[in-house]
Amino acid sequence: MTDTPEKPFVPDAFTSPQGLDHEAFRLRPLGPQHNESDYAAWTSSVEHILATPGYEGSSWPRQMTLDENMGDLTKHAREFATRAAFVYTVLAPDCETVIGCLYIYPSEKPGVDAKVRSWVRAADADLDAVLYRVVTDWLATSWPFGRIEYAVRPGA
């Protein structure tokens, strides 16, 4: 009996985008350099994030220290580098302030290629539908996924 190799999340020939620029935000791979701004963004918006479509019943966000957050960001950077998952920080147009996050993970559902979640901090709630629309279009045009799971946003 031989084991069938697991299908890679993205094809070997695929080059993952290093970002996306929009007039209202910038997407960049999430990494340890974003720790303090990322921590400030999500800790100021826990209730808002938990009310965001796709986060119902989620175990995150949860109480964490800044050091624990650094561990998460390091893990996400490693996942991006190994192409196991792609996590982007959502930055304000100045590219300094974290205003949210975008997660692109392999789906466990048959027939679905990727599970996508995103959040924006409560102070930028008006960008949630914009981010959803822009990311949905970007995934359709720049990524090798046939079918994604991404909770629709009101007003999107």
Protein backbone atom coordinates (compact mmCIF):
# COMPACT_ATOMS: atom_id res chain seq x y z
CA MET A 1 0.00 0.00 0.00
CA THR A 2 1.40 3.40 -0.96
CA ASP A 3 0.44 6.75 0.43
CA THR A 4 -0.87 9.25 -2.06
CA PRO A 5 1.03 12.51 -1.65
CA GLU A 6 -1.09 15.34 -0.37
CA LYS A 7 -1.96 17.89 -3.03
CA PRO A 8 0.06 21.06 -2.49
CA PHE A 9 -1.94 24.14 -1.52
CA VAL A 10 -0.70 26.02 -4.58
CA PRO A 11 1.10 24.65 -7.66
CA ASP A 12 4.91 24.67 -7.56
CA ALA A 13 5.02 27.08 -10.51
CA PHE A 14 2.75 29.61 -8.79
CA THR A 15 4.45 32.74 -7.46
CA SER A 16 2.48 34.10 -4.53
CA PRO A 17 1.73 37.81 -4.72
CA GLN A 18 3.84 39.90 -2.37
CA GLY A 19 1.07 42.39 -1.90
CA LEU A 20 -1.77 44.38 -3.33
CA ASP A 21 -2.18 48.14 -3.39
CA HIS A 22 -5.61 49.76 -3.16
CA GLU A 23 -6.40 53.41 -2.52
CA ALA A 24 -7.83 52.54 0.93
CA PHE A 25 -5.26 49.94 2.08
CA ARG A 26 -2.18 47.88 1.24
CA LEU A 27 -1.79 44.13 1.65
CA ARG A 28 1.67 42.85 2.58
CA PRO A 29 2.84 39.47 3.93
CA LEU A 30 2.35 39.49 7.70
CA GLY A 31 5.50 39.17 9.72
CA PRO A 32 7.19 39.93 13.03
CA GLN A 33 7.87 43.52 11.94
CA HIS A 34 4.13 44.19 12.32
CA ASN A 35 3.88 42.90 15.90
CA GLU A 36 3.12 46.06 17.86
CA SER A 37 0.75 47.58 15.29
CA ASP A 38 -1.00 44.22 14.69
CA TYR A 39 -1.42 43.67 18.42
CA ALA A 40 -2.85 47.18 18.87
CA ALA A 41 -5.26 46.65 15.96
CA TRP A 42 -6.83 43.39 17.05
CA THR A 43 -6.78 43.97 20.82
CA SER A 44 -8.72 47.20 20.28
CA SER A 45 -11.34 45.36 18.23
CA VAL A 46 -12.00 41.91 19.72
CA GLU A 47 -15.79 42.26 19.85
CA HIS A 48 -15.87 43.73 16.35
CA ILE A 49 -13.75 40.89 14.94
CA LEU A 50 -15.90 38.23 16.61
CA ALA A 51 -18.95 39.85 15.00
CA THR A 52 -17.31 39.78 11.54
CA PRO A 53 -18.70 37.19 9.11
CA GLY A 54 -16.49 34.09 9.19
CA TYR A 55 -15.48 34.48 12.85
CA GLU A 56 -18.64 33.13 14.46
CA GLY A 57 -17.56 30.58 17.07
CA SER A 58 -13.87 31.23 16.38
CA SER A 59 -11.25 30.54 19.04
CA TRP A 60 -9.41 33.72 17.97
CA PRO A 61 -9.10 36.47 18.95
CA ARG A 62 -8.29 35.44 22.47
CA GLN A 63 -6.31 37.08 25.21
CA MET A 64 -2.59 37.02 24.37
CA THR A 65 0.56 38.84 25.35
CA LEU A 66 2.63 40.86 22.90
CA ASP A 67 5.23 38.05 22.99
CA GLU A 68 2.58 35.43 22.15
CA ASN A 69 1.42 37.62 19.28
CA MET A 70 5.01 37.73 18.04
CA GLY A 71 5.02 33.93 18.03
CA ASP A 72 1.85 33.91 15.92
CA LEU A 73 3.28 36.40 13.45
CA THR A 74 6.49 34.38 13.17
CA LYS A 75 4.40 31.25 12.49
CA HIS A 76 2.39 33.07 9.80
CA ALA A 77 5.60 34.29 8.13
CA ARG A 78 6.95 30.72 8.12
CA GLU A 79 3.67 29.43 6.60
CA PHE A 80 3.93 32.07 3.87
CA ALA A 81 7.57 31.16 3.14
CA THR A 82 6.74 27.45 2.90
CA ARG A 83 3.53 28.12 0.92
CA ALA A 84 1.44 26.26 3.49
CA ALA A 85 -0.81 29.34 3.96
CA PHE A 86 -0.76 33.00 3.03
CA VAL A 87 -1.44 35.64 5.66
CA TYR A 88 -1.35 39.30 4.76
CA THR A 89 -1.49 42.31 6.99
CA VAL A 90 -3.93 45.00 5.92
CA LEU A 91 -2.11 48.29 6.24
CA ALA A 92 -3.38 51.85 6.04
CA PRO A 93 -2.24 53.59 2.84
CA ASP A 94 0.75 54.97 4.75
CA CYS A 95 1.99 51.33 5.04
CA GLU A 96 2.72 51.84 8.73
CA THR A 97 -0.52 51.20 10.61
CA VAL A 98 -2.09 47.75 10.72
CA ILE A 99 -5.84 48.01 10.21
CA GLY A 100 -6.63 44.33 9.67
CA CYS A 101 -5.56 40.94 8.42
CA LEU A 102 -6.29 38.51 5.57
CA TYR A 103 -5.86 34.74 5.95
CA ILE A 104 -5.74 32.34 3.00
CA TYR A 105 -5.61 28.72 4.17
CA PRO A 106 -6.22 25.37 2.52
CA SER A 107 -9.83 24.32 2.98
CA GLU A 108 -10.76 21.05 4.63
CA LYS A 109 -14.05 20.98 2.70
CA PRO A 110 -14.15 18.72 -0.35
CA GLY A 111 -14.26 20.74 -3.57
CA VAL A 112 -13.14 23.96 -1.89
CA ASP A 113 -9.56 25.06 -2.55
CA ALA A 114 -9.11 27.81 0.03
CA LYS A 115 -10.70 29.11 3.20
CA VAL A 116 -10.36 32.88 3.40
CA ARG A 117 -11.02 35.11 6.38
CA SER A 118 -10.37 38.77 6.94
CA TRP A 119 -10.97 41.37 9.58
CA VAL A 120 -10.50 45.08 10.01
CA ARG A 121 -10.27 46.92 13.28
CA ALA A 122 -13.42 48.55 14.61
CA ALA A 123 -12.11 52.03 13.74
CA ASP A 124 -12.04 50.96 10.06
CA ALA A 125 -15.28 48.95 9.97
CA ASP A 126 -16.40 50.82 6.84
CA LEU A 127 -13.54 49.12 4.93
CA ASP A 128 -14.73 45.58 5.61
CA ALA A 129 -16.99 45.31 2.54
CA VAL A 130 -14.39 47.09 0.39
CA LEU A 131 -11.67 44.66 1.51
CA TYR A 132 -14.00 41.72 0.82
CA ARG A 133 -14.77 42.90 -2.74
CA VAL A 134 -11.15 43.71 -3.58
CA VAL A 135 -9.83 40.44 -2.15
CA THR A 136 -12.54 38.37 -3.87
CA ASP A 137 -11.58 39.91 -7.24
CA TRP A 138 -7.85 39.47 -6.51
CA LEU A 139 -8.31 35.81 -5.62
CA ALA A 140 -10.24 35.24 -8.86
CA THR A 141 -7.64 36.93 -11.07
CA SER A 142 -4.28 36.35 -9.37
CA TRP A 143 -4.57 33.05 -7.51
CA PRO A 144 -4.89 29.43 -8.71
CA PHE A 145 -8.06 28.63 -6.78
CA GLY A 146 -11.20 27.34 -8.43
CA ARG A 147 -13.47 27.61 -5.41
CA ILE A 148 -13.01 29.54 -2.18
CA GLU A 149 -14.93 29.85 1.07
CA TYR A 150 -15.10 33.49 2.18
CA ALA A 151 -18.03 34.78 4.23
CA VAL A 152 -19.90 37.48 2.34
CA ARG A 153 -20.00 40.94 3.89
CA PRO A 154 -23.09 43.10 4.21
CA GLY A 155 -22.97 45.77 1.52
CA ALA A 156 -20.46 43.85 -0.60
